[in-house]
Amino acid sequence: MSRRVCSKGWGAVLAAGVLLLAQTPAVARESGPRYDGAEEHYAGSQIALHEGVNVSVGPLYGGEAQTLGHDVSGHQGDVDWPGAARTGAKFVYVKATEGTGFVNPRFPQQYNGSYGVGLIRGAYHFARPDISDGAAQAHYFVDHGGGWSGDGKTLPGALDVEYNPYGETCYGKTPAQMVAWMASFATTYLHRTGRHPAIYTSTSWWKRCTGNSNVFWQNPLWIARYNTEIGELPASWKHQTIWQFSNKGSLPGDQNWFNGTIDRVRALSLG
């Protein structure tokens, strides 16, 4: 996977977005940023609310050469990791942080516990573009568990961008401002860790809030689509790396297929 930042991608986006970001309406700070309910904000929690869950999807929809995994957060509490491994989990993403003021209190048990039973694991950050810039949130994420190491068992961190649980769908940002915010996060994470972060999203949210941006092709796509088919992908990608196909199933938390064999999961973890 390339670690170079494409000059026609993020760099141009950041340069074009500086003035737009400065024009973002100020968010009221009288009581500080809201984090009530943050423990219940997990990858797909708002997508399921806004887009629905069309079917109860079973693992047979993964097809051949797919690897089963899942994602968890504080919402699941302490996870039975030996049980998850016995059930077939090979990889997992664990929520680490939200914004610049919330750390998953279950993160140590979930992140270290999954590693202890042999799962390849990574951390994800629930984006809050309404409260601070992308660079600040990338630093917060890395400083609170979202880093990466080339041990063959750690996936690059993931940025969860989805519907705003506290207000306006796109966090009060125009598509250009949202793209600039995500580019700032992604560039900062790359500089801190040497890896491009994965991006978790849904096609509907992406179209609405980024204008269907096509500049994030260097970032692995983790797509949410609770159906028997993935359907259309956001314009930045030709194929998905991970498909979150159901919000419940045999594994704790959401159910995911990695688009490849376990060797491809390891390859992503190694960079």
Protein backbone atom coordinates (compact mmCIF):
# COMPACT_ATOMS: atom_id res chain seq x y z
CA MET A 1 0.00 0.00 0.00
CA SER A 2 1.41 3.42 -0.97
CA ARG A 3 2.26 5.84 1.81
CA ARG A 4 2.66 8.87 -0.45
CA VAL A 5 0.06 11.59 -0.38
CA CYS A 6 -1.17 12.22 -3.89
CA SER A 7 -0.69 15.88 -4.83
CA LYS A 8 -3.88 15.75 -6.86
CA GLY A 9 -5.82 14.30 -3.97
CA TRP A 10 -5.63 15.42 -0.35
CA GLY A 11 -3.10 18.20 -0.96
CA ALA A 12 -5.37 20.02 -3.37
CA VAL A 13 -8.34 19.42 -1.12
CA LEU A 14 -6.57 20.88 1.92
CA ALA A 15 -5.43 23.95 0.01
CA ALA A 16 -8.88 24.57 -1.40
CA GLY A 17 -10.61 23.94 1.89
CA VAL A 18 -8.78 26.38 4.17
CA LEU A 19 -11.07 29.32 3.49
CA LEU A 20 -14.16 27.14 3.49
CA LEU A 21 -13.31 25.73 6.92
CA ALA A 22 -12.84 29.23 8.23
CA GLN A 23 -16.38 30.03 7.13
CA THR A 24 -17.96 27.21 9.14
CA PRO A 25 -20.51 28.66 11.61
CA ALA A 26 -19.25 28.67 15.17
CA VAL A 27 -20.68 25.97 17.41
CA ALA A 28 -22.05 27.10 20.75
CA ARG A 29 -19.56 26.28 23.49
CA GLU A 30 -21.40 27.46 26.58
CA SER A 31 -21.64 23.96 27.96
CA GLY A 32 -18.81 22.47 25.92
CA PRO A 33 -19.14 19.80 23.22
CA ARG A 34 -21.79 17.16 23.84
CA TYR A 35 -20.73 13.61 24.54
CA ASP A 36 -23.90 12.32 26.19
CA GLY A 37 -24.64 8.91 24.74
CA ALA A 38 -21.15 8.59 23.24
CA GLU A 39 -20.81 5.04 24.53
CA GLU A 40 -23.80 4.13 22.34
CA HIS A 41 -22.30 5.66 19.19
CA TYR A 42 -20.71 2.78 17.37
CA ALA A 43 -19.89 2.14 13.72
CA GLY A 44 -23.27 2.10 12.00
CA SER A 45 -25.42 3.15 14.94
CA GLN A 46 -26.62 6.23 13.07
CA ILE A 47 -26.64 4.56 9.65
CA ALA A 48 -29.08 1.94 10.92
CA LEU A 49 -31.30 4.70 12.33
CA HIS A 50 -31.33 6.76 9.14
CA GLU A 51 -31.11 4.10 6.43
CA GLY A 52 -32.69 1.12 8.13
CA VAL A 53 -31.77 -2.53 8.19
CA ASN A 54 -33.41 -4.13 5.19
CA VAL A 55 -32.86 -7.79 6.00
CA SER A 56 -31.32 -10.01 8.62
CA VAL A 57 -28.23 -11.04 6.68
CA GLY A 58 -26.44 -14.30 7.37
CA PRO A 59 -22.79 -15.14 6.72
CA LEU A 60 -23.64 -17.07 3.55
CA TYR A 61 -23.82 -13.74 1.71
CA GLY A 62 -20.08 -13.27 2.06
CA GLY A 63 -19.27 -15.49 -0.89
CA GLU A 64 -15.94 -17.17 -1.52
CA ALA A 65 -12.54 -15.81 -0.45
CA GLN A 66 -14.03 -13.63 2.28
CA THR A 67 -12.89 -13.46 5.90
CA LEU A 68 -15.36 -13.08 8.76
CA GLY A 69 -14.86 -10.43 11.40
CA HIS A 70 -16.76 -7.92 13.51
CA ASP A 71 -16.58 -4.55 15.24
CA VAL A 72 -17.33 -3.65 18.86
CA SER A 73 -17.53 -0.63 21.15
CA GLY A 74 -18.43 0.19 24.73
CA HIS A 75 -22.00 -0.64 23.74
CA GLN A 76 -21.11 -4.36 23.92
CA GLY A 77 -19.43 -4.19 27.33
CA ASP A 78 -16.69 -6.71 28.04
CA VAL A 79 -16.41 -9.19 25.18
CA ASP A 80 -15.96 -12.96 25.46
CA TRP A 81 -12.94 -13.12 23.17
CA PRO A 82 -12.29 -16.88 23.35
CA GLY A 83 -15.94 -17.36 22.41
CA ALA A 84 -15.69 -14.94 19.48
CA ALA A 85 -12.60 -16.75 18.19
CA ARG A 86 -14.31 -20.13 18.50
CA THR A 87 -17.29 -18.79 16.55
CA GLY A 88 -15.04 -17.86 13.64
CA ALA A 89 -13.90 -14.26 14.09
CA LYS A 90 -10.56 -13.55 12.41
CA PHE A 91 -10.37 -9.76 12.75
CA VAL A 92 -12.09 -6.97 14.69
CA TYR A 93 -12.26 -3.18 14.84
CA VAL A 94 -12.71 -1.62 18.29
CA LYS A 95 -13.98 1.89 18.95
CA ALA A 96 -11.27 3.89 20.71
CA THR A 97 -12.40 7.51 20.69
CA GLU A 98 -14.99 10.09 19.72
CA GLY A 99 -14.23 13.73 18.98
CA THR A 100 -11.57 15.07 21.34
CA GLY A 101 -13.29 14.27 24.62
CA PHE A 102 -14.39 10.63 24.79
CA VAL A 103 -12.42 7.41 25.17
CA ASN A 104 -14.18 4.04 25.14
CA PRO A 105 -13.92 2.81 28.76
CA ARG A 106 -13.99 -0.80 27.51
CA PHE A 107 -11.16 -0.25 25.05
CA PRO A 108 -8.36 -2.01 26.98
CA GLN A 109 -10.42 -5.18 27.51
CA GLN A 110 -11.64 -5.21 23.93
CA TYR A 111 -8.45 -4.22 22.10
CA ASN A 112 -6.01 -6.24 24.19
CA GLY A 113 -8.40 -9.16 24.68
CA SER A 114 -8.89 -9.64 20.95
CA TYR A 115 -5.12 -9.58 20.42
CA GLY A 116 -4.71 -12.15 23.18
CA VAL A 117 -6.79 -14.77 21.35
CA GLY A 118 -5.07 -14.22 18.02
CA LEU A 119 -7.44 -11.88 16.20
CA ILE A 120 -6.01 -9.19 13.94
CA ARG A 121 -7.42 -6.01 15.42
CA GLY A 122 -7.60 -2.30 14.75
CA ALA A 123 -9.08 0.78 16.41
CA TYR A 124 -11.59 3.25 15.02
CA HIS A 125 -12.52 6.86 15.75
CA PHE A 126 -16.09 8.20 15.68
CA ALA A 127 -15.76 11.51 13.84
CA ARG A 128 -17.20 14.72 15.28
CA PRO A 129 -16.51 17.39 12.64
CA ASP A 130 -18.75 19.79 14.56
CA ILE A 131 -16.44 20.23 17.57
CA SER A 132 -12.80 20.38 16.38
CA ASP A 133 -10.68 20.10 13.26
CA GLY A 134 -9.63 16.84 11.65
CA ALA A 135 -5.98 17.13 12.65
CA ALA A 136 -6.86 17.57 16.34
CA GLN A 137 -9.08 14.49 16.26
CA ALA A 138 -6.43 12.40 14.49
CA HIS A 139 -3.91 13.32 17.20
CA TYR A 140 -6.44 12.51 19.93
CA PHE A 141 -7.17 9.16 18.30
CA VAL A 142 -3.52 8.15 17.99
CA ASP A 143 -2.79 9.32 21.54
CA HIS A 144 -5.62 7.17 22.94
CA GLY A 145 -5.12 3.79 21.30
CA GLY A 146 -5.56 4.45 17.60
CA GLY A 147 -1.96 4.00 16.50
CA TRP A 148 -0.47 1.30 14.33
CA SER A 149 2.45 -1.12 14.62
CA GLY A 150 3.87 -3.45 12.00
CA ASP A 151 3.45 -6.59 14.09
CA GLY A 152 1.15 -8.31 11.60
CA LYS A 153 -1.75 -8.19 14.08
CA THR A 154 -2.69 -4.49 13.98
CA LEU A 155 -4.87 -2.98 11.27
CA PRO A 156 -4.52 0.69 10.35
CA GLY A 157 -6.88 2.92 12.30
CA ALA A 158 -10.28 3.72 10.82
CA LEU A 159 -12.25 6.97 10.62
CA ASP A 160 -15.98 6.43 11.17
CA VAL A 161 -17.88 9.20 9.33
CA GLU A 162 -21.64 8.90 9.47
CA TYR A 163 -24.82 10.76 10.44
CA ASN A 164 -24.47 13.28 13.26
CA PRO A 165 -26.11 11.83 16.42
CA TYR A 166 -26.46 15.32 17.92
CA GLY A 167 -27.95 17.39 15.12
CA GLU A 168 -27.69 18.23 11.44
CA THR A 169 -26.70 15.23 9.31
CA CYS A 170 -23.48 16.72 7.92
CA TYR A 171 -22.39 18.46 11.14
CA GLY A 172 -23.15 21.88 9.67
CA LYS A 173 -20.54 21.54 6.93
CA THR A 174 -20.76 21.92 3.18
CA PRO A 175 -19.45 19.02 1.07
CA ALA A 176 -16.21 20.92 0.39
CA GLN A 177 -15.73 21.63 4.10
CA MET A 178 -16.41 18.00 5.01
CA VAL A 179 -13.90 16.72 2.44
CA ALA A 180 -11.30 19.16 3.78
CA TRP A 181 -12.00 18.02 7.36
CA MET A 182 -11.51 14.36 6.46
CA ALA A 183 -8.38 15.12 4.43
CA SER A 184 -6.94 16.89 7.46
CA PHE A 185 -7.64 13.86 9.65
CA ALA A 186 -6.27 11.41 7.09
CA THR A 187 -3.11 13.38 6.39
CA THR A 188 -2.37 13.84 10.09
CA TYR A 189 -2.93 10.14 10.78
CA LEU A 190 -0.61 9.24 7.90
CA HIS A 191 2.09 11.53 9.24
CA ARG A 192 1.75 10.12 12.76
CA THR A 193 1.65 6.42 11.86
CA GLY A 194 2.87 5.98 8.28
CA ARG A 195 -0.48 4.45 7.31
CA HIS A 196 -3.52 5.68 5.45
CA PRO A 197 -6.52 5.28 7.77
CA ALA A 198 -9.46 3.23 6.59
CA ILE A 199 -12.70 5.13 6.09
CA TYR A 200 -15.99 3.74 7.39
CA THR A 201 -19.15 5.20 5.87
CA SER A 202 -22.28 4.51 3.86
CA THR A 203 -22.83 5.47 0.24
CA SER A 204 -25.92 7.53 1.05
CA TRP A 205 -24.17 9.61 3.72
CA TRP A 206 -21.08 10.00 1.52
CA LYS A 207 -23.10 11.35 -1.40
CA ARG A 208 -25.03 13.76 0.77
CA CYS A 209 -22.20 15.10 2.93
CA THR A 210 -19.15 14.97 0.63
CA GLY A 211 -20.85 15.48 -2.71
CA ASN A 212 -19.67 11.95 -3.59
CA SER A 213 -15.99 12.90 -3.34
CA ASN A 214 -13.55 10.81 -5.35
CA VAL A 215 -10.25 11.85 -3.68
CA PHE A 216 -9.93 9.22 -0.92
CA TRP A 217 -8.95 6.27 -3.10
CA GLN A 218 -5.76 5.71 -1.07
CA ASN A 219 -7.79 4.89 2.05
CA PRO A 220 -9.19 1.36 2.48
CA LEU A 221 -12.99 1.46 2.32
CA TRP A 222 -15.06 -0.05 5.12
CA ILE A 223 -18.61 0.20 3.79
CA ALA A 224 -21.86 -0.17 5.75
CA ARG A 225 -24.67 -1.82 3.84
CA TYR A 226 -27.17 -4.01 5.70
CA ASN A 227 -28.48 -6.04 2.82
CA THR A 228 -27.70 -9.08 0.70
CA GLU A 229 -25.84 -6.90 -1.82
CA ILE A 230 -23.35 -4.10 -1.26
CA GLY A 231 -24.80 -1.99 -4.05
CA GLU A 232 -23.21 1.22 -5.31
CA LEU A 233 -19.95 2.30 -3.68
CA PRO A 234 -18.87 5.89 -2.97
CA ALA A 235 -17.05 7.51 -5.90
CA SER A 236 -13.60 7.32 -4.26
CA TRP A 237 -13.48 3.52 -4.55
CA LYS A 238 -13.75 0.74 -7.12
CA HIS A 239 -14.08 -1.98 -4.46
CA GLN A 240 -14.50 -2.31 -0.72
CA THR A 241 -11.93 -3.65 1.72
CA ILE A 242 -14.49 -4.49 4.42
CA TRP A 243 -18.26 -4.83 4.17
CA GLN A 244 -20.27 -4.36 7.36
CA PHE A 245 -23.19 -6.47 6.23
CA SER A 246 -25.29 -6.74 9.41
CA ASN A 247 -25.69 -5.02 12.76
CA LYS A 248 -26.17 -8.34 14.55
CA GLY A 249 -25.19 -11.95 14.17
CA SER A 250 -23.15 -14.78 15.61
CA LEU A 251 -20.30 -12.50 16.72
CA PRO A 252 -20.47 -9.70 19.29
CA GLY A 253 -21.36 -6.35 17.70
CA ASP A 254 -21.64 -5.72 13.97
CA GLN A 255 -20.79 -8.39 11.42
CA ASN A 256 -18.18 -7.82 8.70
CA TRP A 257 -16.66 -9.52 5.69
CA PHE A 258 -13.09 -8.70 4.69
CA ASN A 259 -12.82 -8.75 0.90
CA GLY A 260 -10.14 -11.43 0.71
CA THR A 261 -8.62 -14.37 2.54
CA ILE A 262 -6.93 -14.14 5.92
CA ASP A 263 -3.63 -13.62 4.08
CA ARG A 264 -5.03 -10.35 2.70
CA VAL A 265 -6.09 -9.27 6.19
CA ARG A 266 -2.51 -9.87 7.36
CA ALA A 267 -1.17 -7.97 4.35
CA LEU A 268 -3.27 -4.94 5.30
CA SER A 269 -2.00 -5.17 8.86
CA LEU A 270 1.61 -5.20 7.65
CA GLY A 271 1.19 -2.27 5.28
